[in-house]
Amino acid sequence: MRELQTLTITEKGQAQFPASWRKTAGLMHGGPCDVRLVNDGRQSLLITPRPRRRRGAVGLLKHLQNQPAAFPKVERHTMPAK
């Protein structure tokens, strides 16, 4: 297992990997994987998904809503009239 190759799984799953595996690996929308040749005499491959980097605030609201502590209520005030 010396050489490392890169495989990109597309969003449509053109690499023909099972949907259940792509879902568990977080590759339903595609992404890169590391591929290594296993020297077992059967030409087996070891495919490892690369961790996806977070882009900005994607999923931040869902993460904050799942937190056990609620945000404190904001004290509101009225603006003075002109």
N, C-alpha and C. Protein backbone atom coordinates (compact mmCIF):
# COMPACT_ATOMS: atom_id res chain seq x y z
N MET A 1 0.84 -1.17 0.00
CA MET A 1 0.00 0.00 0.00
C MET A 1 0.89 1.24 0.00
N ARG A 2 1.65 1.41 -1.05
CA ARG A 2 2.55 2.54 -1.10
C ARG A 2 1.97 3.70 -1.89
N GLU A 3 1.51 3.44 -3.07
CA GLU A 3 1.05 4.52 -3.94
C GLU A 3 -0.36 4.97 -3.57
N LEU A 4 -0.57 6.26 -3.69
CA LEU A 4 -1.86 6.86 -3.38
C LEU A 4 -2.39 7.53 -4.63
N GLN A 5 -3.57 7.18 -5.05
CA GLN A 5 -4.23 7.79 -6.20
C GLN A 5 -5.46 8.52 -5.70
N THR A 6 -5.98 9.41 -6.52
CA THR A 6 -7.18 10.15 -6.15
C THR A 6 -8.31 9.76 -7.08
N LEU A 7 -9.47 9.51 -6.52
CA LEU A 7 -10.68 9.19 -7.27
C LEU A 7 -11.73 10.20 -6.88
N THR A 8 -12.43 10.74 -7.86
CA THR A 8 -13.50 11.68 -7.57
C THR A 8 -14.83 11.01 -7.87
N ILE A 9 -15.69 10.95 -6.87
CA ILE A 9 -17.04 10.42 -7.05
C ILE A 9 -17.94 11.59 -7.39
N THR A 10 -18.63 11.48 -8.50
CA THR A 10 -19.48 12.59 -8.93
C THR A 10 -20.80 12.56 -8.18
N GLU A 11 -21.54 13.65 -8.31
CA GLU A 11 -22.83 13.76 -7.63
C GLU A 11 -23.80 12.71 -8.14
N LYS A 12 -23.71 12.36 -9.39
CA LYS A 12 -24.63 11.38 -9.95
C LYS A 12 -24.18 9.95 -9.68
N GLY A 13 -23.05 9.79 -9.02
CA GLY A 13 -22.58 8.45 -8.69
C GLY A 13 -22.08 7.68 -9.89
N GLN A 14 -21.45 8.38 -10.82
CA GLN A 14 -21.01 7.73 -12.05
C GLN A 14 -19.93 6.69 -11.79
N ALA A 15 -19.30 6.75 -10.64
CA ALA A 15 -18.29 5.75 -10.31
C ALA A 15 -18.95 4.44 -9.87
N GLN A 16 -20.29 4.43 -9.81
CA GLN A 16 -21.08 3.23 -9.51
C GLN A 16 -20.81 2.65 -8.13
N PHE A 17 -20.74 3.50 -7.14
CA PHE A 17 -20.66 3.04 -5.77
C PHE A 17 -22.07 2.97 -5.20
N PRO A 18 -22.33 2.05 -4.28
CA PRO A 18 -23.67 1.94 -3.71
C PRO A 18 -24.10 3.23 -3.00
N ALA A 19 -25.36 3.58 -3.16
CA ALA A 19 -25.88 4.82 -2.58
C ALA A 19 -25.79 4.80 -1.06
N SER A 20 -25.98 3.64 -0.44
CA SER A 20 -25.90 3.57 1.02
C SER A 20 -24.49 3.89 1.50
N TRP A 21 -23.47 3.41 0.77
CA TRP A 21 -22.08 3.70 1.14
C TRP A 21 -21.78 5.18 0.95
N ARG A 22 -22.24 5.76 -0.18
CA ARG A 22 -22.00 7.18 -0.44
C ARG A 22 -22.69 8.05 0.61
N LYS A 23 -23.87 7.62 1.08
CA LYS A 23 -24.58 8.39 2.09
C LYS A 23 -23.84 8.34 3.42
N THR A 24 -23.36 7.15 3.81
CA THR A 24 -22.64 7.05 5.09
C THR A 24 -21.30 7.77 5.04
N ALA A 25 -20.67 7.78 3.87
CA ALA A 25 -19.37 8.44 3.74
C ALA A 25 -19.51 9.93 3.48
N GLY A 26 -20.74 10.42 3.33
CA GLY A 26 -20.95 11.84 3.07
C GLY A 26 -20.64 12.22 1.64
N LEU A 27 -20.82 11.29 0.72
CA LEU A 27 -20.48 11.55 -0.68
C LEU A 27 -21.71 11.56 -1.58
N MET A 28 -22.88 11.86 -1.04
CA MET A 28 -24.09 11.90 -1.87
C MET A 28 -24.01 13.00 -2.92
N HIS A 29 -23.26 14.05 -2.64
CA HIS A 29 -23.10 15.14 -3.60
C HIS A 29 -21.71 15.10 -4.23
N GLY A 30 -21.06 13.97 -4.16
CA GLY A 30 -19.74 13.82 -4.75
C GLY A 30 -18.64 14.25 -3.81
N GLY A 31 -17.40 13.99 -4.20
CA GLY A 31 -16.26 14.38 -3.41
C GLY A 31 -15.06 13.49 -3.68
N PRO A 32 -13.89 13.90 -3.22
CA PRO A 32 -12.67 13.13 -3.48
C PRO A 32 -12.49 11.97 -2.51
N CYS A 33 -11.81 10.93 -3.00
CA CYS A 33 -11.48 9.76 -2.18
C CYS A 33 -10.02 9.40 -2.43
N ASP A 34 -9.37 8.80 -1.44
CA ASP A 34 -8.03 8.27 -1.60
C ASP A 34 -8.16 6.80 -1.97
N VAL A 35 -7.37 6.36 -2.95
CA VAL A 35 -7.43 4.97 -3.41
C VAL A 35 -6.04 4.37 -3.30
N ARG A 36 -5.95 3.23 -2.64
CA ARG A 36 -4.68 2.52 -2.50
C ARG A 36 -4.85 1.10 -3.00
N LEU A 37 -3.81 0.58 -3.64
CA LEU A 37 -3.81 -0.81 -4.09
C LEU A 37 -3.35 -1.69 -2.94
N VAL A 38 -4.16 -2.68 -2.58
CA VAL A 38 -3.81 -3.62 -1.52
C VAL A 38 -3.12 -4.80 -2.17
N ASN A 39 -1.91 -5.08 -1.76
CA ASN A 39 -1.13 -6.17 -2.37
C ASN A 39 -1.52 -7.50 -1.75
N ASP A 40 -2.73 -7.96 -2.10
CA ASP A 40 -3.19 -9.24 -1.57
C ASP A 40 -3.30 -10.30 -2.66
N GLY A 41 -2.82 -9.99 -3.86
CA GLY A 41 -2.87 -10.96 -4.95
C GLY A 41 -4.19 -10.99 -5.68
N ARG A 42 -5.18 -10.21 -5.25
CA ARG A 42 -6.49 -10.20 -5.90
C ARG A 42 -6.81 -8.84 -6.49
N GLN A 43 -5.81 -7.96 -6.58
CA GLN A 43 -5.97 -6.60 -7.13
C GLN A 43 -7.06 -5.81 -6.41
N SER A 44 -7.11 -5.93 -5.10
CA SER A 44 -8.11 -5.22 -4.29
C SER A 44 -7.71 -3.76 -4.12
N LEU A 45 -8.73 -2.91 -3.96
CA LEU A 45 -8.51 -1.49 -3.72
C LEU A 45 -9.05 -1.11 -2.35
N LEU A 46 -8.36 -0.20 -1.68
CA LEU A 46 -8.83 0.36 -0.42
C LEU A 46 -9.24 1.80 -0.72
N ILE A 47 -10.54 2.09 -0.63
CA ILE A 47 -11.07 3.41 -0.96
C ILE A 47 -11.49 4.10 0.33
N THR A 48 -10.88 5.26 0.60
CA THR A 48 -11.13 6.02 1.82
C THR A 48 -11.60 7.42 1.45
N PRO A 49 -12.82 7.81 1.86
CA PRO A 49 -13.29 9.17 1.56
C PRO A 49 -12.47 10.20 2.32
N ARG A 50 -12.18 11.29 1.65
CA ARG A 50 -11.48 12.40 2.30
C ARG A 50 -12.51 13.20 3.08
N PRO A 51 -12.11 13.72 4.25
CA PRO A 51 -13.06 14.55 5.00
C PRO A 51 -13.34 15.83 4.24
N ARG A 52 -14.62 16.19 4.19
CA ARG A 52 -15.01 17.41 3.49
C ARG A 52 -14.76 18.61 4.38
N ARG A 53 -14.28 19.66 3.78
CA ARG A 53 -14.08 20.90 4.52
C ARG A 53 -15.38 21.67 4.53
N ARG A 54 -15.65 22.29 5.66
CA ARG A 54 -16.86 23.10 5.78
C ARG A 54 -16.68 24.37 4.98
N ARG A 55 -17.72 24.78 4.30
CA ARG A 55 -17.67 26.00 3.52
C ARG A 55 -18.54 27.05 4.19
N GLY A 56 -17.92 27.97 4.88
CA GLY A 56 -18.66 29.07 5.48
C GLY A 56 -19.62 28.59 6.56
N ALA A 57 -20.84 29.11 6.50
CA ALA A 57 -21.82 28.83 7.54
C ALA A 57 -22.83 27.77 7.11
N VAL A 58 -22.46 26.90 6.18
CA VAL A 58 -23.37 25.85 5.74
C VAL A 58 -23.62 24.89 6.89
N GLY A 59 -24.87 24.73 7.29
CA GLY A 59 -25.22 23.82 8.38
C GLY A 59 -25.08 24.43 9.76
N LEU A 60 -24.71 25.70 9.85
CA LEU A 60 -24.52 26.32 11.16
C LEU A 60 -25.83 26.46 11.92
N LEU A 61 -26.90 26.86 11.23
CA LEU A 61 -28.19 27.03 11.90
C LEU A 61 -28.69 25.70 12.47
N LYS A 62 -28.58 24.63 11.70
CA LYS A 62 -29.02 23.32 12.18
C LYS A 62 -28.19 22.89 13.39
N HIS A 63 -26.89 23.16 13.34
CA HIS A 63 -26.02 22.81 14.46
C HIS A 63 -26.41 23.59 15.72
N LEU A 64 -26.68 24.88 15.57
CA LEU A 64 -27.03 25.69 16.73
C LEU A 64 -28.40 25.32 17.30
N GLN A 65 -29.33 24.92 16.43
CA GLN A 65 -30.66 24.52 16.90
C GLN A 65 -30.61 23.21 17.68
N ASN A 66 -29.61 22.39 17.45
CA ASN A 66 -29.48 21.10 18.14
C ASN A 66 -28.76 21.23 19.48
N GLN A 67 -28.30 22.43 19.82
CA GLN A 67 -27.59 22.62 21.09
C GLN A 67 -28.58 22.56 22.25
N PRO A 68 -28.18 22.01 23.40
CA PRO A 68 -29.09 21.86 24.53
C PRO A 68 -29.49 23.18 25.18
N ALA A 69 -28.60 24.16 25.21
CA ALA A 69 -28.91 25.43 25.86
C ALA A 69 -29.54 26.39 24.85
N ALA A 70 -30.61 27.04 25.26
CA ALA A 70 -31.28 27.99 24.37
C ALA A 70 -30.60 29.35 24.47
N PHE A 71 -30.77 30.15 23.44
CA PHE A 71 -30.25 31.51 23.48
C PHE A 71 -31.08 32.34 24.45
N PRO A 72 -30.47 33.29 25.17
CA PRO A 72 -31.25 34.16 26.06
C PRO A 72 -32.14 35.08 25.23
N LYS A 73 -33.28 35.43 25.80
CA LYS A 73 -34.21 36.31 25.09
C LYS A 73 -33.58 37.69 24.94
N VAL A 74 -33.82 38.29 23.80
CA VAL A 74 -33.28 39.61 23.52
C VAL A 74 -34.25 40.65 24.04
N GLU A 75 -33.72 41.60 24.81
CA GLU A 75 -34.57 42.66 25.33
C GLU A 75 -34.82 43.67 24.21
N ARG A 76 -36.07 43.91 23.90
CA ARG A 76 -36.41 44.80 22.80
C ARG A 76 -36.78 46.18 23.36
N HIS A 77 -36.54 47.18 22.55
CA HIS A 77 -36.89 48.54 22.94
C HIS A 77 -37.50 49.24 21.73
N THR A 78 -38.25 50.26 22.00
CA THR A 78 -38.88 50.99 20.90
C THR A 78 -37.97 52.15 20.51
N MET A 79 -37.97 52.42 19.23
CA MET A 79 -37.16 53.52 18.72
C MET A 79 -37.90 54.84 18.95
N PRO A 80 -37.18 55.90 19.25
CA PRO A 80 -37.85 57.19 19.44
C PRO A 80 -38.42 57.70 18.11
N ALA A 81 -39.57 58.35 18.20
CA ALA A 81 -40.21 58.88 17.00
C ALA A 81 -39.48 60.14 16.54
N LYS A 82 -39.59 60.43 15.26
CA LYS A 82 -38.93 61.64 14.73
C LYS A 82 -39.60 62.88 15.20
